All heavy atoms as atom14 arrays in JSON, in Angstrom:
{
  "sequence": "WYGQAARTNWHWFDDRAEWRQMDKMGHAFSSFHCS",
  "atom14_mask": [
    [1, 1, 1, 1, 1, 1, 1, 1, 1, 1, 1, 1, 1, 1],
    [1, 1, 1, 1, 1, 1, 1, 1, 1, 1, 1, 1, 0, 0],
    [1, 1, 1, 1, 0, 0, 0, 0, 0, 0, 0, 0, 0, 0],
    [1, 1, 1, 1, 1, 1, 1, 1, 1, 0, 0, 0, 0, 0],
    [1, 1, 1, 1, 1, 0, 0, 0, 0, 0, 0, 0, 0, 0],
    [1, 1, 1, 1, 1, 0, 0, 0, 0, 0, 0, 0, 0, 0],
    [1, 1, 1, 1, 1, 1, 1, 1, 1, 1, 1, 0, 0, 0],
    [1, 1, 1, 1, 1, 1, 1, 0, 0, 0, 0, 0, 0, 0],
    [1, 1, 1, 1, 1, 1, 1, 1, 0, 0, 0, 0, 0, 0],
    [1, 1, 1, 1, 1, 1, 1, 1, 1, 1, 1, 1, 1, 1],
    [1, 1, 1, 1, 1, 1, 1, 1, 1, 1, 0, 0, 0, 0],
    [1, 1, 1, 1, 1, 1, 1, 1, 1, 1, 1, 1, 1, 1],
    [1, 1, 1, 1, 1, 1, 1, 1, 1, 1, 1, 0, 0, 0],
    [1, 1, 1, 1, 1, 1, 1, 1, 0, 0, 0, 0, 0, 0],
    [1, 1, 1, 1, 1, 1, 1, 1, 0, 0, 0, 0, 0, 0],
    [1, 1, 1, 1, 1, 1, 1, 1, 1, 1, 1, 0, 0, 0],
    [1, 1, 1, 1, 1, 0, 0, 0, 0, 0, 0, 0, 0, 0],
    [1, 1, 1, 1, 1, 1, 1, 1, 1, 0, 0, 0, 0, 0],
    [1, 1, 1, 1, 1, 1, 1, 1, 1, 1, 1, 1, 1, 1],
    [1, 1, 1, 1, 1, 1, 1, 1, 1, 1, 1, 0, 0, 0],
    [1, 1, 1, 1, 1, 1, 1, 1, 1, 0, 0, 0, 0, 0],
    [1, 1, 1, 1, 1, 1, 1, 1, 0, 0, 0, 0, 0, 0],
    [1, 1, 1, 1, 1, 1, 1, 1, 0, 0, 0, 0, 0, 0],
    [1, 1, 1, 1, 1, 1, 1, 1, 1, 0, 0, 0, 0, 0],
    [1, 1, 1, 1, 1, 1, 1, 1, 0, 0, 0, 0, 0, 0],
    [1, 1, 1, 1, 0, 0, 0, 0, 0, 0, 0, 0, 0, 0],
    [1, 1, 1, 1, 1, 1, 1, 1, 1, 1, 0, 0, 0, 0],
    [1, 1, 1, 1, 1, 0, 0, 0, 0, 0, 0, 0, 0, 0],
    [1, 1, 1, 1, 1, 1, 1, 1, 1, 1, 1, 0, 0, 0],
    [1, 1, 1, 1, 1, 1, 0, 0, 0, 0, 0, 0, 0, 0],
    [1, 1, 1, 1, 1, 1, 0, 0, 0, 0, 0, 0, 0, 0],
    [1, 1, 1, 1, 1, 1, 1, 1, 1, 1, 1, 0, 0, 0],
    [1, 1, 1, 1, 1, 1, 1, 1, 1, 1, 0, 0, 0, 0],
    [1, 1, 1, 1, 1, 1, 0, 0, 0, 0, 0, 0, 0, 0],
    [1, 1, 1, 1, 1, 1, 0, 0, 0, 0, 0, 0, 0, 0]
  ],
  "atom14_positions": [
    [[-8.57, 4.41, -5.43], [-7.36, 4.8, -4.74], [-6.65, 5.99, -5.37], [-6.12, 6.85, -4.66], [-6.38, 3.62, -4.7], [-6.64, 2.68, -3.57], [-7.2, 1.45, -3.64], [-6.36, 2.89, -2.18], [-7.28, 0.88, -2.4], [-6.78, 1.74, -1.48], [-5.8, 3.95, -1.46], [-6.65, 1.61, -0.1], [-5.66, 3.82, -0.09], [-6.08, 2.67, 0.57]],
    [[-6.6, 6.02, -6.69], [-5.75, 7.0, -7.35], [-6.53, 8.15, -7.98], [-6.1, 9.29, -7.95], [-4.87, 6.31, -8.4], [-4.06, 5.18, -7.81], [-4.44, 3.85, -7.98], [-2.93, 5.44, -7.04], [-3.71, 2.82, -7.42], [-2.19, 4.41, -6.47], [-2.59, 3.09, -6.67], [-1.87, 2.09, -6.1], [0.0, 0.0, 0.0], [0.0, 0.0, 0.0]],
    [[-7.7, 7.82, -8.57], [-8.56, 8.86, -9.12], [-7.8, 9.81, -10.03], [-7.1, 9.4, -10.95], [0.0, 0.0, 0.0], [0.0, 0.0, 0.0], [0.0, 0.0, 0.0], [0.0, 0.0, 0.0], [0.0, 0.0, 0.0], [0.0, 0.0, 0.0], [0.0, 0.0, 0.0], [0.0, 0.0, 0.0], [0.0, 0.0, 0.0], [0.0, 0.0, 0.0]],
    [[-7.95, 11.1, -9.74], [-7.28, 12.13, -10.53], [-6.04, 12.67, -9.8], [-5.64, 13.82, -10.0], [-8.26, 13.28, -10.8], [-9.52, 12.86, -11.52], [-9.23, 12.27, -12.89], [-8.39, 12.78, -13.62], [-9.94, 11.2, -13.23], [0.0, 0.0, 0.0], [0.0, 0.0, 0.0], [0.0, 0.0, 0.0], [0.0, 0.0, 0.0], [0.0, 0.0, 0.0]],
    [[-5.44, 11.85, -8.95], [-4.29, 12.32, -8.17], [-3.14, 12.71, -9.07], [-2.92, 12.15, -10.16], [-3.84, 11.21, -7.21], [0.0, 0.0, 0.0], [0.0, 0.0, 0.0], [0.0, 0.0, 0.0], [0.0, 0.0, 0.0], [0.0, 0.0, 0.0], [0.0, 0.0, 0.0], [0.0, 0.0, 0.0], [0.0, 0.0, 0.0], [0.0, 0.0, 0.0]],
    [[-2.37, 13.71, -8.61], [-1.2, 14.15, -9.36], [-0.12, 13.07, -9.33], [-0.13, 12.19, -8.45], [-0.67, 15.45, -8.76], [0.0, 0.0, 0.0], [0.0, 0.0, 0.0], [0.0, 0.0, 0.0], [0.0, 0.0, 0.0], [0.0, 0.0, 0.0], [0.0, 0.0, 0.0], [0.0, 0.0, 0.0], [0.0, 0.0, 0.0], [0.0, 0.0, 0.0]],
    [[0.79, 13.13, -10.27], [1.86, 12.15, -10.36], [3.21, 12.84, -10.22], [3.37, 14.02, -10.51], [1.8, 11.4, -11.7], [0.47, 10.69, -11.97], [0.2, 9.58, -10.98], [-1.1, 8.98, -11.16], [-1.32, 7.9, -11.9], [-0.32, 7.34, -12.55], [-2.53, 7.39, -11.99], [0.0, 0.0, 0.0], [0.0, 0.0, 0.0], [0.0, 0.0, 0.0]],
    [[4.21, 12.08, -9.78], [5.57, 12.57, -9.68], [6.51, 11.49, -10.19], [6.06, 10.44, -10.67], [5.9, 12.94, -8.22], [7.19, 13.56, -8.18], [5.89, 11.71, -7.33], [0.0, 0.0, 0.0], [0.0, 0.0, 0.0], [0.0, 0.0, 0.0], [0.0, 0.0, 0.0], [0.0, 0.0, 0.0], [0.0, 0.0, 0.0], [0.0, 0.0, 0.0]],
    [[7.83, 11.71, -10.1], [8.78, 10.7, -10.52], [8.68, 9.47, -9.62], [8.44, 9.59, -8.42], [10.21, 11.27, -10.48], [10.42, 12.36, -11.5], [9.79, 12.37, -12.56], [11.31, 13.29, -11.19], [0.0, 0.0, 0.0], [0.0, 0.0, 0.0], [0.0, 0.0, 0.0], [0.0, 0.0, 0.0], [0.0, 0.0, 0.0], [0.0, 0.0, 0.0]],
    [[8.91, 8.31, -10.19], [8.77, 7.06, -9.45], [9.81, 7.02, -8.33], [10.98, 7.37, -8.52], [8.97, 5.86, -10.37], [8.48, 4.57, -9.79], [7.24, 4.04, -9.9], [9.24, 3.66, -8.99], [7.17, 2.85, -9.22], [8.38, 2.58, -8.65], [10.55, 3.63, -8.52], [8.8, 1.51, -7.88], [10.97, 2.57, -7.74], [10.1, 1.52, -7.43]],
    [[9.39, 6.56, -7.12], [10.29, 6.56, -5.97], [9.81, 5.55, -4.94], [8.65, 5.13, -4.94], [10.36, 7.95, -5.34], [9.03, 8.44, -4.83], [8.06, 8.91, -5.68], [8.52, 8.52, -3.57], [7.0, 9.27, -4.98], [7.24, 9.03, -3.7], [0.0, 0.0, 0.0], [0.0, 0.0, 0.0], [0.0, 0.0, 0.0], [0.0, 0.0, 0.0]],
    [[10.71, 5.17, -4.02], [10.39, 4.33, -2.89], [9.93, 5.18, -1.71], [10.25, 6.36, -1.62], [11.6, 3.49, -2.46], [11.99, 2.43, -3.41], [13.02, 2.49, -4.32], [11.4, 1.14, -3.57], [13.09, 1.33, -5.04], [12.11, 0.47, -4.59], [10.33, 0.49, -2.95], [11.8, -0.82, -5.01], [10.02, -0.8, -3.37], [10.73, -1.44, -4.38]],
    [[9.2, 4.55, -0.79], [8.69, 5.26, 0.38], [8.6, 4.27, 1.54], [8.1, 3.16, 1.39], [7.3, 5.84, 0.08], [6.68, 6.58, 1.22], [7.14, 7.84, 1.57], [5.63, 6.02, 1.95], [6.56, 8.54, 2.63], [5.05, 6.72, 3.01], [5.52, 7.98, 3.34], [0.0, 0.0, 0.0], [0.0, 0.0, 0.0], [0.0, 0.0, 0.0]],
    [[9.13, 4.66, 2.7], [9.12, 3.79, 3.89], [7.86, 4.09, 4.7], [7.76, 5.11, 5.38], [10.36, 4.05, 4.73], [10.48, 3.07, 5.91], [9.56, 2.22, 6.07], [11.46, 3.16, 6.66], [0.0, 0.0, 0.0], [0.0, 0.0, 0.0], [0.0, 0.0, 0.0], [0.0, 0.0, 0.0], [0.0, 0.0, 0.0], [0.0, 0.0, 0.0]],
    [[6.88, 3.19, 4.65], [5.61, 3.41, 5.34], [5.38, 2.4, 6.46], [4.25, 2.14, 6.86], [4.44, 3.35, 4.34], [4.32, 1.98, 3.68], [5.25, 1.16, 3.8], [3.28, 1.72, 3.04], [0.0, 0.0, 0.0], [0.0, 0.0, 0.0], [0.0, 0.0, 0.0], [0.0, 0.0, 0.0], [0.0, 0.0, 0.0], [0.0, 0.0, 0.0]],
    [[6.46, 1.86, 7.0], [6.32, 0.83, 8.03], [5.61, 1.33, 9.28], [4.96, 0.56, 9.98], [7.69, 0.27, 8.42], [8.35, -0.59, 7.36], [9.75, -0.95, 7.78], [10.61, 0.22, 7.86], [11.83, 0.23, 8.39], [12.33, -0.89, 8.91], [12.56, 1.33, 8.42], [0.0, 0.0, 0.0], [0.0, 0.0, 0.0], [0.0, 0.0, 0.0]],
    [[5.75, 2.62, 9.58], [5.19, 3.16, 10.82], [3.78, 3.71, 10.64], [3.24, 4.32, 11.57], [6.11, 4.27, 11.35], [0.0, 0.0, 0.0], [0.0, 0.0, 0.0], [0.0, 0.0, 0.0], [0.0, 0.0, 0.0], [0.0, 0.0, 0.0], [0.0, 0.0, 0.0], [0.0, 0.0, 0.0], [0.0, 0.0, 0.0], [0.0, 0.0, 0.0]],
    [[3.16, 3.48, 9.49], [1.86, 4.1, 9.23], [0.7, 3.14, 9.5], [0.82, 1.92, 9.35], [1.8, 4.57, 7.77], [2.78, 5.7, 7.48], [2.56, 6.32, 6.12], [1.8, 5.73, 5.3], [3.13, 7.39, 5.85], [0.0, 0.0, 0.0], [0.0, 0.0, 0.0], [0.0, 0.0, 0.0], [0.0, 0.0, 0.0], [0.0, 0.0, 0.0]],
    [[-0.43, 3.72, 9.92], [-1.71, 3.03, 10.06], [-1.64, 1.79, 10.95], [-2.41, 0.86, 10.79], [-2.27, 2.64, 8.69], [-2.48, 3.79, 7.77], [-1.83, 4.02, 6.59], [-3.43, 4.86, 7.91], [-2.28, 5.18, 6.01], [-3.27, 5.72, 6.81], [-4.39, 5.17, 8.89], [-4.04, 6.86, 6.64], [-5.14, 6.32, 8.73], [-4.97, 7.15, 7.61]],
    [[-0.7, 1.81, 11.92], [-0.57, 0.66, 12.83], [-0.4, -0.66, 12.07], [-0.82, -1.72, 12.52], [-1.77, 0.57, 13.76], [-1.94, 1.75, 14.7], [-1.01, 1.63, 15.89], [-1.24, 2.67, 16.88], [-0.58, 2.76, 18.02], [0.35, 1.88, 18.33], [-0.82, 3.74, 18.87], [0.0, 0.0, 0.0], [0.0, 0.0, 0.0], [0.0, 0.0, 0.0]],
    [[0.19, -0.59, 10.88], [0.47, -1.74, 9.99], [-0.81, -2.44, 9.51], [-0.76, -3.58, 9.01], [1.39, -2.76, 10.66], [2.79, -2.24, 10.94], [2.86, -1.34, 12.16], [2.35, -1.7, 13.22], [3.48, -0.17, 12.02], [0.0, 0.0, 0.0], [0.0, 0.0, 0.0], [0.0, 0.0, 0.0], [0.0, 0.0, 0.0], [0.0, 0.0, 0.0]],
    [[-1.95, -1.79, 9.62], [-3.19, -2.4, 9.14], [-3.15, -2.62, 7.63], [-3.7, -3.6, 7.11], [-4.38, -1.53, 9.52], [-4.73, -1.57, 10.99], [-5.28, -3.19, 11.54], [-6.82, -3.35, 10.63], [0.0, 0.0, 0.0], [0.0, 0.0, 0.0], [0.0, 0.0, 0.0], [0.0, 0.0, 0.0], [0.0, 0.0, 0.0], [0.0, 0.0, 0.0]],
    [[-2.51, -1.69, 6.9], [-2.43, -1.85, 5.46], [-1.59, -3.06, 5.08], [-1.87, -3.74, 4.08], [-1.86, -0.59, 4.81], [-0.5, -0.2, 5.37], [-0.26, -0.41, 6.58], [0.32, 0.33, 4.6], [0.0, 0.0, 0.0], [0.0, 0.0, 0.0], [0.0, 0.0, 0.0], [0.0, 0.0, 0.0], [0.0, 0.0, 0.0], [0.0, 0.0, 0.0]],
    [[-0.59, -3.39, 5.88], [0.25, -4.57, 5.59], [-0.56, -5.86, 5.77], [-0.4, -6.82, 5.01], [1.46, -4.59, 6.51], [2.3, -3.32, 6.45], [2.86, -3.1, 5.05], [3.61, -1.79, 4.95], [2.7, -0.62, 4.83], [0.0, 0.0, 0.0], [0.0, 0.0, 0.0], [0.0, 0.0, 0.0], [0.0, 0.0, 0.0], [0.0, 0.0, 0.0]],
    [[-1.43, -5.86, 6.75], [-2.29, -7.03, 6.95], [-3.24, -7.19, 5.78], [-3.55, -8.31, 5.35], [-3.04, -6.89, 8.26], [-2.12, -6.9, 9.46], [-3.0, -6.88, 11.03], [-1.6, -6.81, 12.15], [0.0, 0.0, 0.0], [0.0, 0.0, 0.0], [0.0, 0.0, 0.0], [0.0, 0.0, 0.0], [0.0, 0.0, 0.0], [0.0, 0.0, 0.0]],
    [[-3.71, -6.06, 5.25], [-4.57, -6.14, 4.07], [-3.84, -6.7, 2.88], [-4.41, -7.48, 2.1], [0.0, 0.0, 0.0], [0.0, 0.0, 0.0], [0.0, 0.0, 0.0], [0.0, 0.0, 0.0], [0.0, 0.0, 0.0], [0.0, 0.0, 0.0], [0.0, 0.0, 0.0], [0.0, 0.0, 0.0], [0.0, 0.0, 0.0], [0.0, 0.0, 0.0]],
    [[-2.59, -6.34, 2.71], [-1.79, -6.89, 1.61], [-1.63, -8.4, 1.75], [-1.79, -9.16, 0.77], [-0.42, -6.22, 1.57], [-0.4, -4.9, 0.88], [-0.15, -4.77, -0.47], [-0.62, -3.65, 1.34], [-0.2, -3.5, -0.81], [-0.48, -2.79, 0.28], [0.0, 0.0, 0.0], [0.0, 0.0, 0.0], [0.0, 0.0, 0.0], [0.0, 0.0, 0.0]],
    [[-1.28, -8.86, 2.95], [-1.1, -10.3, 3.17], [-2.4, -11.06, 2.96], [-2.42, -12.14, 2.34], [-0.55, -10.54, 4.58], [0.0, 0.0, 0.0], [0.0, 0.0, 0.0], [0.0, 0.0, 0.0], [0.0, 0.0, 0.0], [0.0, 0.0, 0.0], [0.0, 0.0, 0.0], [0.0, 0.0, 0.0], [0.0, 0.0, 0.0], [0.0, 0.0, 0.0]],
    [[-3.51, -10.52, 3.47], [-4.83, -11.14, 3.3], [-5.17, -11.29, 1.82], [-5.58, -12.36, 1.36], [-5.87, -10.28, 4.01], [-7.3, -10.63, 3.69], [-7.96, -11.62, 4.4], [-7.99, -9.97, 2.68], [-9.29, -11.95, 4.1], [-9.3, -10.28, 2.38], [-9.95, -11.28, 3.09], [0.0, 0.0, 0.0], [0.0, 0.0, 0.0], [0.0, 0.0, 0.0]],
    [[-5.02, -10.2, 1.07], [-5.36, -10.22, -0.34], [-4.49, -11.19, -1.12], [-4.97, -11.94, -1.98], [-5.23, -8.8, -0.91], [-5.49, -8.78, -2.29], [0.0, 0.0, 0.0], [0.0, 0.0, 0.0], [0.0, 0.0, 0.0], [0.0, 0.0, 0.0], [0.0, 0.0, 0.0], [0.0, 0.0, 0.0], [0.0, 0.0, 0.0], [0.0, 0.0, 0.0]],
    [[-3.19, -11.2, -0.82], [-2.27, -12.07, -1.54], [-2.56, -13.54, -1.24], [-2.49, -14.4, -2.14], [-0.84, -11.72, -1.15], [0.09, -12.44, -1.93], [0.0, 0.0, 0.0], [0.0, 0.0, 0.0], [0.0, 0.0, 0.0], [0.0, 0.0, 0.0], [0.0, 0.0, 0.0], [0.0, 0.0, 0.0], [0.0, 0.0, 0.0], [0.0, 0.0, 0.0]],
    [[-2.89, -13.87, 0.01], [-3.23, -15.25, 0.36], [-4.42, -15.74, -0.45], [-4.37, -16.82, -1.07], [-3.54, -15.34, 1.86], [-3.99, -16.7, 2.32], [-3.09, -17.62, 2.8], [-5.34, -17.07, 2.25], [-3.5, -18.89, 3.23], [-5.76, -18.32, 2.66], [-4.83, -19.24, 3.15], [0.0, 0.0, 0.0], [0.0, 0.0, 0.0], [0.0, 0.0, 0.0]],
    [[-5.51, -14.97, -0.45], [-6.73, -15.45, -1.11], [-6.63, -15.38, -2.62], [-7.27, -16.17, -3.32], [-7.93, -14.67, -0.58], [-8.33, -15.09, 0.8], [-8.92, -16.31, 1.05], [-8.21, -14.47, 2.0], [-9.16, -16.42, 2.35], [-8.74, -15.33, 2.94], [0.0, 0.0, 0.0], [0.0, 0.0, 0.0], [0.0, 0.0, 0.0], [0.0, 0.0, 0.0]],
    [[-5.83, -14.46, -3.14], [-5.59, -14.45, -4.58], [-4.85, -15.73, -4.98], [-5.2, -16.38, -5.97], [-4.78, -13.21, -4.95], [-4.45, -13.04, -6.72], [0.0, 0.0, 0.0], [0.0, 0.0, 0.0], [0.0, 0.0, 0.0], [0.0, 0.0, 0.0], [0.0, 0.0, 0.0], [0.0, 0.0, 0.0], [0.0, 0.0, 0.0], [0.0, 0.0, 0.0]],
    [[-3.82, -16.1, -4.21], [-3.09, -17.35, -4.5], [-4.0, -18.55, -4.35], [-3.94, -19.5, -5.14], [-1.89, -17.47, -3.55], [-0.97, -16.43, -3.76], [0.0, 0.0, 0.0], [0.0, 0.0, 0.0], [0.0, 0.0, 0.0], [0.0, 0.0, 0.0], [0.0, 0.0, 0.0], [0.0, 0.0, 0.0], [0.0, 0.0, 0.0], [0.0, 0.0, 0.0]]
  ]
}
């Protein structure tokens, strides 16, 4: 995911409208099975 990506100061980002919320489903899926 991160590789050699550049870095900046730590900040929040509103990504609710991105990727049709598929990334949010991935988060929930991963958290369920990790638990």
